[in-house]
Amino acid sequence: MHCPPDGVASNRDRGGDPKDGTTDIEILNYALSLENLETSFYAKVIESGLFRGAQLDLIRKFADNEREHREHLEMTVDKLGGKPAAPKKTTFPMDGAISVLRLAATIENGGAAAYLGQANRIRDKEVLAAALSIHSVEARHAATLNGLVGLPPTP
């Protein structure tokens, strides 16, 4: 793993052809696993009762975005002849609004990094376009959440 001076590790493969050994379906299912996790997380955040007003509205919007991502990825995996990754059972600490927002920022920053980190491995241009489109939404979620918890909007 490559680690640049700012300390953010890169998940891009540095040797050989990055497309060797990974299929678009595998990459999409990896992304789908992330979207399943995010969808579950935001559902539990909404159910927690920790947020009201504008923050709850924002969380609901993020939850809607993640559901849309999940549905799009499921349809794409199906279209390519694969079997979509099934959601896994998840639990998340709901110990207070600030800690939940920090966890949300961590999840969204990780999601944005994961999409970008796999971009050079995707073969199909339509799949790449979709992944980069989702990446931009994840990055905006991350920047917004970073601002809410006092972190810089960018890594």
C-alpha atoms as a PDB file:
ATOM      1  CA  MET A   1       0.000   0.000   0.000  1.00  0.00           C
ATOM      2  CA  HIS A   2       1.342   3.415  -0.953  1.00  0.00           C
ATOM      3  CA  CYS A   3       1.237   6.130   1.703  1.00  0.00           C
ATOM      4  CA  PRO A   4       1.779   9.711   0.478  1.00  0.00           C
ATOM      5  CA  PRO A   5       3.210  12.446   2.732  1.00  0.00           C
ATOM      6  CA  ASP A   6      -0.205  13.506   4.079  1.00  0.00           C
ATOM      7  CA  GLY A   7      -0.681  10.029   5.584  1.00  0.00           C
ATOM      8  CA  VAL A   8      -3.684   8.954   3.521  1.00  0.00           C
ATOM      9  CA  ALA A   9      -3.065   5.416   2.314  1.00  0.00           C
ATOM     10  CA  SER A  10      -3.830   4.654  -1.310  1.00  0.00           C
ATOM     11  CA  ASN A  11      -5.656   1.447  -2.160  1.00  0.00           C
ATOM     12  CA  ARG A  12      -4.518   1.574  -5.770  1.00  0.00           C
ATOM     13  CA  ASP A  13      -2.340  -1.308  -6.928  1.00  0.00           C
ATOM     14  CA  ARG A  14       1.075   0.071  -7.970  1.00  0.00           C
ATOM     15  CA  GLY A  15       2.377  -2.888  -9.976  1.00  0.00           C
ATOM     16  CA  GLY A  16       1.487  -4.291 -13.399  1.00  0.00           C
ATOM     17  CA  ASP A  17      -1.836  -3.898 -15.125  1.00  0.00           C
ATOM     18  CA  PRO A  18      -4.371  -2.821 -12.489  1.00  0.00           C
ATOM     19  CA  LYS A  19      -7.155  -4.595 -14.405  1.00  0.00           C
ATOM     20  CA  ASP A  20      -5.498  -8.026 -14.083  1.00  0.00           C
ATOM     21  CA  GLY A  21      -7.246 -10.367 -11.689  1.00  0.00           C
ATOM     22  CA  THR A  22     -10.365  -8.316 -10.931  1.00  0.00           C
ATOM     23  CA  THR A  23     -13.647  -8.306 -12.816  1.00  0.00           C
ATOM     24  CA  ASP A  24     -16.107  -5.444 -13.025  1.00  0.00           C
ATOM     25  CA  ILE A  25     -18.680  -7.649 -11.279  1.00  0.00           C
ATOM     26  CA  GLU A  26     -16.295  -8.179  -8.347  1.00  0.00           C
ATOM     27  CA  ILE A  27     -15.639  -4.443  -8.128  1.00  0.00           C
ATOM     28  CA  LEU A  28     -19.356  -3.685  -8.337  1.00  0.00           C
ATOM     29  CA  ASN A  29     -20.125  -6.209  -5.606  1.00  0.00           C
ATOM     30  CA  TYR A  30     -17.419  -4.642  -3.434  1.00  0.00           C
ATOM     31  CA  ALA A  31     -19.118  -1.273  -3.974  1.00  0.00           C
ATOM     32  CA  LEU A  32     -22.505  -2.863  -3.349  1.00  0.00           C
ATOM     33  CA  SER A  33     -21.244  -4.206  -0.012  1.00  0.00           C
ATOM     34  CA  LEU A  34     -20.280  -0.651   0.937  1.00  0.00           C
ATOM     35  CA  GLU A  35     -23.676   0.680  -0.147  1.00  0.00           C
ATOM     36  CA  ASN A  36     -25.444  -2.072   1.805  1.00  0.00           C
ATOM     37  CA  LEU A  37     -23.456  -1.050   4.887  1.00  0.00           C
ATOM     38  CA  GLU A  38     -24.244   2.651   4.374  1.00  0.00           C
ATOM     39  CA  THR A  39     -27.936   1.971   3.752  1.00  0.00           C
ATOM     40  CA  SER A  40     -28.135  -0.068   6.954  1.00  0.00           C
ATOM     41  CA  PHE A  41     -26.180   2.556   8.892  1.00  0.00           C
ATOM     42  CA  TYR A  42     -28.404   5.469   7.886  1.00  0.00           C
ATOM     43  CA  ALA A  43     -31.578   3.461   8.572  1.00  0.00           C
ATOM     44  CA  LYS A  44     -30.317   2.811  12.095  1.00  0.00           C
ATOM     45  CA  VAL A  45     -29.307   6.452  12.544  1.00  0.00           C
ATOM     46  CA  ILE A  46     -32.804   7.579  11.545  1.00  0.00           C
ATOM     47  CA  GLU A  47     -34.371   5.021  13.920  1.00  0.00           C
ATOM     48  CA  SER A  48     -32.082   6.113  16.775  1.00  0.00           C
ATOM     49  CA  GLY A  49     -33.977   9.335  17.454  1.00  0.00           C
ATOM     50  CA  LEU A  50     -30.684  11.190  17.976  1.00  0.00           C
ATOM     51  CA  PHE A  51     -31.385  13.759  15.239  1.00  0.00           C
ATOM     52  CA  ARG A  52     -34.149  16.243  14.513  1.00  0.00           C
ATOM     53  CA  GLY A  53     -34.834  19.103  12.167  1.00  0.00           C
ATOM     54  CA  ALA A  54     -32.275  19.990   9.505  1.00  0.00           C
ATOM     55  CA  GLN A  55     -29.794  17.307  10.590  1.00  0.00           C
ATOM     56  CA  LEU A  56     -32.436  14.585  10.354  1.00  0.00           C
ATOM     57  CA  ASP A  57     -33.491  15.904   6.940  1.00  0.00           C
ATOM     58  CA  LEU A  58     -29.860  15.735   5.792  1.00  0.00           C
ATOM     59  CA  ILE A  59     -29.461  12.187   7.114  1.00  0.00           C
ATOM     60  CA  ARG A  60     -32.656  11.133   5.338  1.00  0.00           C
ATOM     61  CA  LYS A  61     -31.324  12.618   2.086  1.00  0.00           C
ATOM     62  CA  PHE A  62     -28.063  10.693   2.509  1.00  0.00           C
ATOM     63  CA  ALA A  63     -30.069   7.516   3.232  1.00  0.00           C
ATOM     64  CA  ASP A  64     -32.066   8.051   0.021  1.00  0.00           C
ATOM     65  CA  ASN A  65     -28.843   8.538  -1.961  1.00  0.00           C
ATOM     66  CA  GLU A  66     -27.357   5.333  -0.564  1.00  0.00           C
ATOM     67  CA  ARG A  67     -30.512   3.343  -1.378  1.00  0.00           C
ATOM     68  CA  GLU A  68     -30.387   4.691  -4.944  1.00  0.00           C
ATOM     69  CA  HIS A  69     -26.715   3.689  -5.221  1.00  0.00           C
ATOM     70  CA  ARG A  70     -27.494   0.217  -3.888  1.00  0.00           C
ATOM     71  CA  GLU A  71     -30.380  -0.277  -6.332  1.00  0.00           C
ATOM     72  CA  HIS A  72     -28.302   0.952  -9.279  1.00  0.00           C
ATOM     73  CA  LEU A  73     -25.417  -1.357  -8.396  1.00  0.00           C
ATOM     74  CA  GLU A  74     -27.737  -4.344  -7.955  1.00  0.00           C
ATOM     75  CA  MET A  75     -29.273  -3.703 -11.384  1.00  0.00           C
ATOM     76  CA  THR A  76     -25.845  -3.292 -12.977  1.00  0.00           C
ATOM     77  CA  VAL A  77     -24.508  -6.539 -11.482  1.00  0.00           C
ATOM     78  CA  ASP A  78     -27.646  -8.308 -12.719  1.00  0.00           C
ATOM     79  CA  LYS A  79     -27.253  -6.754 -16.180  1.00  0.00           C
ATOM     80  CA  LEU A  80     -23.664  -8.014 -16.361  1.00  0.00           C
ATOM     81  CA  GLY A  81     -24.797 -11.537 -15.433  1.00  0.00           C
ATOM     82  CA  GLY A  82     -23.563 -11.578 -11.854  1.00  0.00           C
ATOM     83  CA  LYS A  83     -25.218 -12.197  -8.531  1.00  0.00           C
ATOM     84  CA  PRO A  84     -25.502  -9.043  -6.389  1.00  0.00           C
ATOM     85  CA  ALA A  85     -23.778  -9.167  -3.007  1.00  0.00           C
ATOM     86  CA  ALA A  86     -26.281  -9.771  -0.236  1.00  0.00           C
ATOM     87  CA  PRO A  87     -26.493  -7.345   2.686  1.00  0.00           C
ATOM     88  CA  LYS A  88     -24.775  -8.495   5.849  1.00  0.00           C
ATOM     89  CA  LYS A  89     -26.114  -8.075   9.360  1.00  0.00           C
ATOM     90  CA  THR A  90     -24.649  -4.919  10.857  1.00  0.00           C
ATOM     91  CA  THR A  91     -24.525  -3.194  14.205  1.00  0.00           C
ATOM     92  CA  PHE A  92     -23.338   0.332  14.866  1.00  0.00           C
ATOM     93  CA  PRO A  93     -22.728   2.230  18.093  1.00  0.00           C
ATOM     94  CA  MET A  94     -25.399   4.876  18.622  1.00  0.00           C
ATOM     95  CA  ASP A  95     -23.793   6.495  21.666  1.00  0.00           C
ATOM     96  CA  GLY A  96     -24.653  10.096  20.885  1.00  0.00           C
ATOM     97  CA  ALA A  97     -25.164  12.464  17.993  1.00  0.00           C
ATOM     98  CA  ILE A  98     -21.545  13.641  17.699  1.00  0.00           C
ATOM     99  CA  SER A  99     -20.055  10.137  17.783  1.00  0.00           C
ATOM    100  CA  VAL A 100     -22.603   8.996  15.183  1.00  0.00           C
ATOM    101  CA  LEU A 101     -21.711  11.944  12.937  1.00  0.00           C
ATOM    102  CA  ARG A 102     -18.013  11.097  13.329  1.00  0.00           C
ATOM    103  CA  LEU A 103     -18.726   7.498  12.364  1.00  0.00           C
ATOM    104  CA  ALA A 104     -20.795   8.687   9.389  1.00  0.00           C
ATOM    105  CA  ALA A 105     -17.871  10.879   8.266  1.00  0.00           C
ATOM    106  CA  THR A 106     -15.492   7.918   8.559  1.00  0.00           C
ATOM    107  CA  ILE A 107     -17.824   5.670   6.569  1.00  0.00           C
ATOM    108  CA  GLU A 108     -18.399   8.260   3.830  1.00  0.00           C
ATOM    109  CA  ASN A 109     -14.696   9.139   3.540  1.00  0.00           C
ATOM    110  CA  GLY A 110     -13.910   5.425   3.251  1.00  0.00           C
ATOM    111  CA  GLY A 111     -16.609   4.958   0.619  1.00  0.00           C
ATOM    112  CA  ALA A 112     -15.363   7.861  -1.477  1.00  0.00           C
ATOM    113  CA  ALA A 113     -11.802   6.535  -1.286  1.00  0.00           C
ATOM    114  CA  ALA A 114     -12.907   3.018  -2.208  1.00  0.00           C
ATOM    115  CA  TYR A 115     -14.705   4.127  -5.371  1.00  0.00           C
ATOM    116  CA  LEU A 116     -11.788   6.260  -6.515  1.00  0.00           C
ATOM    117  CA  GLY A 117      -9.293   3.553  -5.579  1.00  0.00           C
ATOM    118  CA  GLN A 118     -10.968   1.043  -7.889  1.00  0.00           C
ATOM    119  CA  ALA A 119     -11.506   3.390 -10.849  1.00  0.00           C
ATOM    120  CA  ASN A 120      -8.336   2.317 -12.663  1.00  0.00           C
ATOM    121  CA  ARG A 121      -9.402  -1.335 -12.414  1.00  0.00           C
ATOM    122  CA  ILE A 122     -12.808  -0.973 -14.067  1.00  0.00           C
ATOM    123  CA  ARG A 123     -12.937  -2.169 -17.672  1.00  0.00           C
ATOM    124  CA  ASP A 124     -16.399  -1.085 -18.885  1.00  0.00           C
ATOM    125  CA  LYS A 125     -16.747   2.660 -19.547  1.00  0.00           C
ATOM    126  CA  GLU A 126     -20.398   2.725 -18.455  1.00  0.00           C
ATOM    127  CA  VAL A 127     -19.495   1.012 -15.182  1.00  0.00           C
ATOM    128  CA  LEU A 128     -16.656   3.502 -14.699  1.00  0.00           C
ATOM    129  CA  ALA A 129     -18.973   6.456 -15.346  1.00  0.00           C
ATOM    130  CA  ALA A 130     -21.480   5.119 -12.811  1.00  0.00           C
ATOM    131  CA  ALA A 131     -18.768   4.469 -10.210  1.00  0.00           C
ATOM    132  CA  LEU A 132     -17.342   7.963 -10.585  1.00  0.00           C
ATOM    133  CA  SER A 133     -20.820   9.460 -10.362  1.00  0.00           C
ATOM    134  CA  ILE A 134     -21.435   7.614  -7.093  1.00  0.00           C
ATOM    135  CA  HIS A 135     -17.949   8.586  -5.898  1.00  0.00           C
ATOM    136  CA  SER A 136     -18.794  12.273  -6.307  1.00  0.00           C
ATOM    137  CA  VAL A 137     -21.919  11.871  -4.149  1.00  0.00           C
ATOM    138  CA  GLU A 138     -19.958   9.968  -1.500  1.00  0.00           C
ATOM    139  CA  ALA A 139     -17.315  12.707  -1.524  1.00  0.00           C
ATOM    140  CA  ARG A 140     -19.972  15.403  -1.030  1.00  0.00           C
ATOM    141  CA  HIS A 141     -21.465  13.414   1.848  1.00  0.00           C
ATOM    142  CA  ALA A 142     -17.990  13.111   3.380  1.00  0.00           C
ATOM    143  CA  ALA A 143     -17.244  16.824   3.001  1.00  0.00           C
ATOM    144  CA  THR A 144     -20.574  17.780   4.570  1.00  0.00           C
ATOM    145  CA  LEU A 145     -20.117  15.408   7.500  1.00  0.00           C
ATOM    146  CA  ASN A 146     -16.504  16.489   7.960  1.00  0.00           C
ATOM    147  CA  GLY A 147     -17.771  20.054   8.331  1.00  0.00           C
ATOM    148  CA  LEU A 148     -20.360  19.014  10.905  1.00  0.00           C
ATOM    149  CA  VAL A 149     -17.732  17.365  13.126  1.00  0.00           C
ATOM    150  CA  GLY A 150     -15.088  20.071  12.710  1.00  0.00           C
ATOM    151  CA  LEU A 151     -12.813  18.332  10.216  1.00  0.00           C
ATOM    152  CA  PRO A 152     -11.552  19.896   6.994  1.00  0.00           C
ATOM    153  CA  PRO A 153     -13.866  19.192   4.038  1.00  0.00           C
ATOM    154  CA  THR A 154     -11.091  17.409   2.166  1.00  0.00           C
ATOM    155  CA  PRO A 155      -8.598  14.816   3.424  1.00  0.00           C
END
